[in-house]
Amino acid sequence: DKGLFRNQIVDFTLSRAISPSLKNLFEACQSMLAWLLLSRTNVIVVQCKNGLSRSGLVTACLLRYCELFDSTYEGFN
């Protein structure tokens, strides 16, 4: 229910058949970081139907984009 989040939701629908493009990953990371920087109380929820590869990839890329790790690979650990 998007109303629970005051309709402040961005949907980056990723295909189940193929991996996301670098452009899509970059745009998602840009959007998520911008949201986090707007307020210290803002949070991000990454949701996936099977909870495996695509959500993990997006999360690891975000952690690298925010410079919390030296490589995206480290974000997976």
Protein backbone atom coordinates (compact mmCIF):
# COMPACT_ATOMS: atom_id res chain seq x y z
CA ASP A 1 0.00 0.00 0.00
CA LYS A 2 1.78 3.12 -1.25
CA GLY A 3 -0.33 5.26 1.09
CA LEU A 4 1.68 3.89 4.01
CA PHE A 5 4.67 5.68 2.52
CA ARG A 6 2.75 8.87 1.71
CA ASN A 7 3.00 7.85 -1.98
CA GLN A 8 6.72 8.68 -1.98
CA ILE A 9 7.72 5.59 -3.92
CA VAL A 10 9.96 5.22 -6.94
CA ASP A 11 9.58 1.96 -8.80
CA PHE A 12 12.63 0.72 -10.68
CA THR A 13 11.08 -2.38 -12.19
CA LEU A 14 13.83 -4.74 -13.29
CA SER A 15 13.32 -7.55 -15.74
CA ARG A 16 13.40 -11.08 -14.38
CA ALA A 17 14.91 -12.32 -17.64
CA ILE A 18 17.95 -10.06 -17.95
CA SER A 19 20.29 -8.19 -15.65
CA PRO A 20 19.70 -4.45 -15.21
CA SER A 21 21.66 -2.16 -17.47
CA LEU A 22 24.41 0.02 -16.03
CA LYS A 23 22.25 3.02 -16.91
CA ASN A 24 19.34 1.65 -14.83
CA LEU A 25 21.64 0.82 -11.91
CA PHE A 26 23.22 4.28 -12.02
CA GLU A 27 19.82 6.02 -12.17
CA ALA A 28 18.54 3.94 -9.24
CA CYS A 29 21.64 4.74 -7.16
CA GLN A 30 21.39 8.46 -8.00
CA SER A 31 17.74 8.54 -7.00
CA MET A 32 18.26 6.60 -3.77
CA LEU A 33 21.23 8.71 -2.67
CA ALA A 34 19.35 11.93 -3.45
CA TRP A 35 16.46 10.70 -1.29
CA LEU A 36 18.77 9.85 1.60
CA LEU A 37 20.45 13.24 1.43
CA LEU A 38 17.11 15.10 1.65
CA SER A 39 16.58 14.15 5.28
CA ARG A 40 18.26 12.10 7.98
CA THR A 41 14.91 10.41 8.61
CA ASN A 42 14.50 9.15 5.02
CA VAL A 43 14.95 5.44 4.44
CA ILE A 44 15.13 3.18 1.41
CA VAL A 45 13.38 -0.14 1.03
CA VAL A 46 14.62 -2.49 -1.68
CA GLN A 47 12.00 -5.11 -2.38
CA CYS A 48 12.19 -8.04 -4.76
CA LYS A 49 9.79 -10.89 -5.42
CA ASN A 50 12.42 -13.60 -4.92
CA GLY A 51 14.86 -11.56 -2.82
CA LEU A 52 17.96 -12.76 -4.57
CA SER A 53 20.20 -11.44 -7.30
CA ARG A 54 18.65 -8.19 -8.55
CA SER A 55 17.86 -6.72 -5.14
CA GLY A 56 21.31 -7.73 -3.89
CA LEU A 57 22.97 -6.19 -6.93
CA VAL A 58 21.10 -2.90 -6.51
CA THR A 59 21.93 -2.79 -2.80
CA ALA A 60 25.62 -3.55 -3.37
CA CYS A 61 25.81 -0.90 -6.09
CA LEU A 62 24.17 1.65 -3.80
CA LEU A 63 26.66 0.91 -1.02
CA ARG A 64 29.52 1.45 -3.48
CA TYR A 65 27.91 4.56 -4.96
CA CYS A 66 27.69 6.01 -1.44
CA GLU A 67 31.41 5.16 -1.07
CA LEU A 68 30.82 2.87 1.91
CA PHE A 69 32.97 0.23 0.19
CA ASP A 70 35.93 0.33 -2.17
CA SER A 71 34.23 -2.06 -4.59
CA THR A 72 30.74 -3.29 -5.35
CA TYR A 73 31.94 -6.81 -4.65
CA GLU A 74 32.59 -5.85 -1.01
CA GLY A 75 28.95 -4.79 -0.73
CA PHE A 76 27.88 -8.38 -1.28
CA ASN A 77 29.76 -9.63 1.76
